[in-house]
Amino acid sequence: MQDNTRIKMVIINTGIRFNPLEAALPDTNAPLDERQPGGLGIMMAHTLASRIDYQFHDQKNIITVFMEIKPDE
C-alpha cells in the first residue's frame, strides 16, 4: 500500500494585493450570459487543494497551495 503524495506549490507575484481566499466564487449554475468573467481558476484551486494559504509580504502576493494525490486503489 502506498502513502498519499503531497504537493506544495508557491505562487508569488508583485501585482496588486489580491487575496483569493476572500474572493467570491462564481455561480456556475447561472446562465453564461449572466455571469461575470473570472473566478473559475480560484474555484478549481479550492476544489483540488487540501489547503490554500495567502500572505502579502514585501509588496508581494504569496499563495501556497497544498494538494494530496491519493494512489489508485
C-alpha atoms as a PDB file:
ATOM      1  CA  MET A   1       0.000   0.000   0.000  1.00  0.00           C
ATOM      2  CA  GLN A   2       1.377   3.402  -0.995  1.00  0.00           C
ATOM      3  CA  ASP A   3       1.031   6.627   1.016  1.00  0.00           C
ATOM      4  CA  ASN A   4      -0.580   9.728  -0.423  1.00  0.00           C
ATOM      5  CA  THR A   5       1.690  12.094  -2.303  1.00  0.00           C
ATOM      6  CA  ARG A   6       1.724  15.663  -1.049  1.00  0.00           C
ATOM      7  CA  ILE A   7       2.396  18.581  -3.372  1.00  0.00           C
ATOM      8  CA  LYS A   8       3.156  22.139  -2.297  1.00  0.00           C
ATOM      9  CA  MET A   9       3.043  24.970  -4.864  1.00  0.00           C
ATOM     10  CA  VAL A  10       4.082  28.525  -4.035  1.00  0.00           C
ATOM     11  CA  ILE A  11       2.969  31.298  -6.386  1.00  0.00           C
ATOM     12  CA  ILE A  12       4.486  34.755  -5.901  1.00  0.00           C
ATOM     13  CA  ASN A  13       3.665  37.907  -7.826  1.00  0.00           C
ATOM     14  CA  THR A  14       4.135  41.634  -7.434  1.00  0.00           C
ATOM     15  CA  GLY A  15       0.723  42.602  -8.783  1.00  0.00           C
ATOM     16  CA  ILE A  16      -1.897  44.470  -6.807  1.00  0.00           C
ATOM     17  CA  ARG A  17      -2.791  42.991  -3.433  1.00  0.00           C
ATOM     18  CA  PHE A  18      -5.295  40.189  -4.006  1.00  0.00           C
ATOM     19  CA  ASN A  19      -6.353  37.548  -1.506  1.00  0.00           C
ATOM     20  CA  PRO A  20      -8.025  34.704  -3.438  1.00  0.00           C
ATOM     21  CA  LEU A  21      -9.414  33.311  -0.174  1.00  0.00           C
ATOM     22  CA  GLU A  22     -11.659  36.388   0.115  1.00  0.00           C
ATOM     23  CA  ALA A  23     -12.852  36.323  -3.500  1.00  0.00           C
ATOM     24  CA  ALA A  24     -16.438  35.323  -4.181  1.00  0.00           C
ATOM     25  CA  LEU A  25     -16.749  32.037  -6.041  1.00  0.00           C
ATOM     26  CA  PRO A  26     -18.670  32.190  -9.326  1.00  0.00           C
ATOM     27  CA  ASP A  27     -22.208  30.894  -9.627  1.00  0.00           C
ATOM     28  CA  THR A  28     -21.667  28.090 -12.116  1.00  0.00           C
ATOM     29  CA  ASN A  29     -25.404  27.410 -12.193  1.00  0.00           C
ATOM     30  CA  ALA A  30     -26.178  30.855 -13.647  1.00  0.00           C
ATOM     31  CA  PRO A  31     -26.619  31.168 -17.413  1.00  0.00           C
ATOM     32  CA  LEU A  32     -23.378  32.132 -19.190  1.00  0.00           C
ATOM     33  CA  ASP A  33     -24.721  35.494 -20.337  1.00  0.00           C
ATOM     34  CA  GLU A  34     -25.447  36.451 -16.703  1.00  0.00           C
ATOM     35  CA  ARG A  35     -22.041  35.509 -15.264  1.00  0.00           C
ATOM     36  CA  GLN A  36     -19.199  37.866 -14.500  1.00  0.00           C
ATOM     37  CA  PRO A  37     -15.886  36.876 -16.096  1.00  0.00           C
ATOM     38  CA  GLY A  38     -13.246  35.295 -13.878  1.00  0.00           C
ATOM     39  CA  GLY A  39     -13.157  33.193 -10.760  1.00  0.00           C
ATOM     40  CA  LEU A  40     -13.100  29.720 -12.292  1.00  0.00           C
ATOM     41  CA  GLY A  41      -9.387  29.230 -11.581  1.00  0.00           C
ATOM     42  CA  ILE A  42      -9.921  30.117  -7.929  1.00  0.00           C
ATOM     43  CA  MET A  43     -12.874  27.727  -7.778  1.00  0.00           C
ATOM     44  CA  MET A  44     -10.777  24.957  -9.336  1.00  0.00           C
ATOM     45  CA  ALA A  45      -7.963  25.553  -6.829  1.00  0.00           C
ATOM     46  CA  HIS A  46     -10.443  25.364  -3.919  1.00  0.00           C
ATOM     47  CA  THR A  47     -11.840  22.125  -5.329  1.00  0.00           C
ATOM     48  CA  LEU A  48      -8.484  20.410  -5.878  1.00  0.00           C
ATOM     49  CA  ALA A  49      -6.441  21.732  -2.957  1.00  0.00           C
ATOM     50  CA  SER A  50      -6.452  20.339   0.538  1.00  0.00           C
ATOM     51  CA  ARG A  51      -5.318  23.757   1.821  1.00  0.00           C
ATOM     52  CA  ILE A  52      -4.607  27.235   0.446  1.00  0.00           C
ATOM     53  CA  ASP A  53      -2.683  29.907   2.351  1.00  0.00           C
ATOM     54  CA  TYR A  54      -2.259  33.575   1.448  1.00  0.00           C
ATOM     55  CA  GLN A  55       0.233  36.207   2.612  1.00  0.00           C
ATOM     56  CA  PHE A  56       1.040  39.712   1.444  1.00  0.00           C
ATOM     57  CA  HIS A  57       4.673  40.398   2.299  1.00  0.00           C
ATOM     58  CA  ASP A  58       7.184  42.908   0.896  1.00  0.00           C
ATOM     59  CA  GLN A  59       4.622  44.102  -1.682  1.00  0.00           C
ATOM     60  CA  LYS A  60       4.165  40.523  -2.967  1.00  0.00           C
ATOM     61  CA  ASN A  61       1.173  38.206  -3.075  1.00  0.00           C
ATOM     62  CA  ILE A  62       2.279  34.789  -1.826  1.00  0.00           C
ATOM     63  CA  ILE A  63      -0.173  31.966  -2.387  1.00  0.00           C
ATOM     64  CA  THR A  64       0.686  28.480  -1.156  1.00  0.00           C
ATOM     65  CA  VAL A  65      -1.422  25.591  -2.420  1.00  0.00           C
ATOM     66  CA  PHE A  66      -1.245  22.149  -0.834  1.00  0.00           C
ATOM     67  CA  MET A  67      -2.615  19.093  -2.631  1.00  0.00           C
ATOM     68  CA  GLU A  68      -2.817  15.427  -1.738  1.00  0.00           C
ATOM     69  CA  ILE A  69      -2.764  12.894  -4.534  1.00  0.00           C
ATOM     70  CA  LYS A  70      -4.255   9.573  -3.485  1.00  0.00           C
ATOM     71  CA  PRO A  71      -2.921   6.434  -5.151  1.00  0.00           C
ATOM     72  CA  ASP A  72      -5.300   4.308  -7.184  1.00  0.00           C
ATOM     73  CA  GLU A  73      -6.856   1.631  -5.051  1.00  0.00           C
END
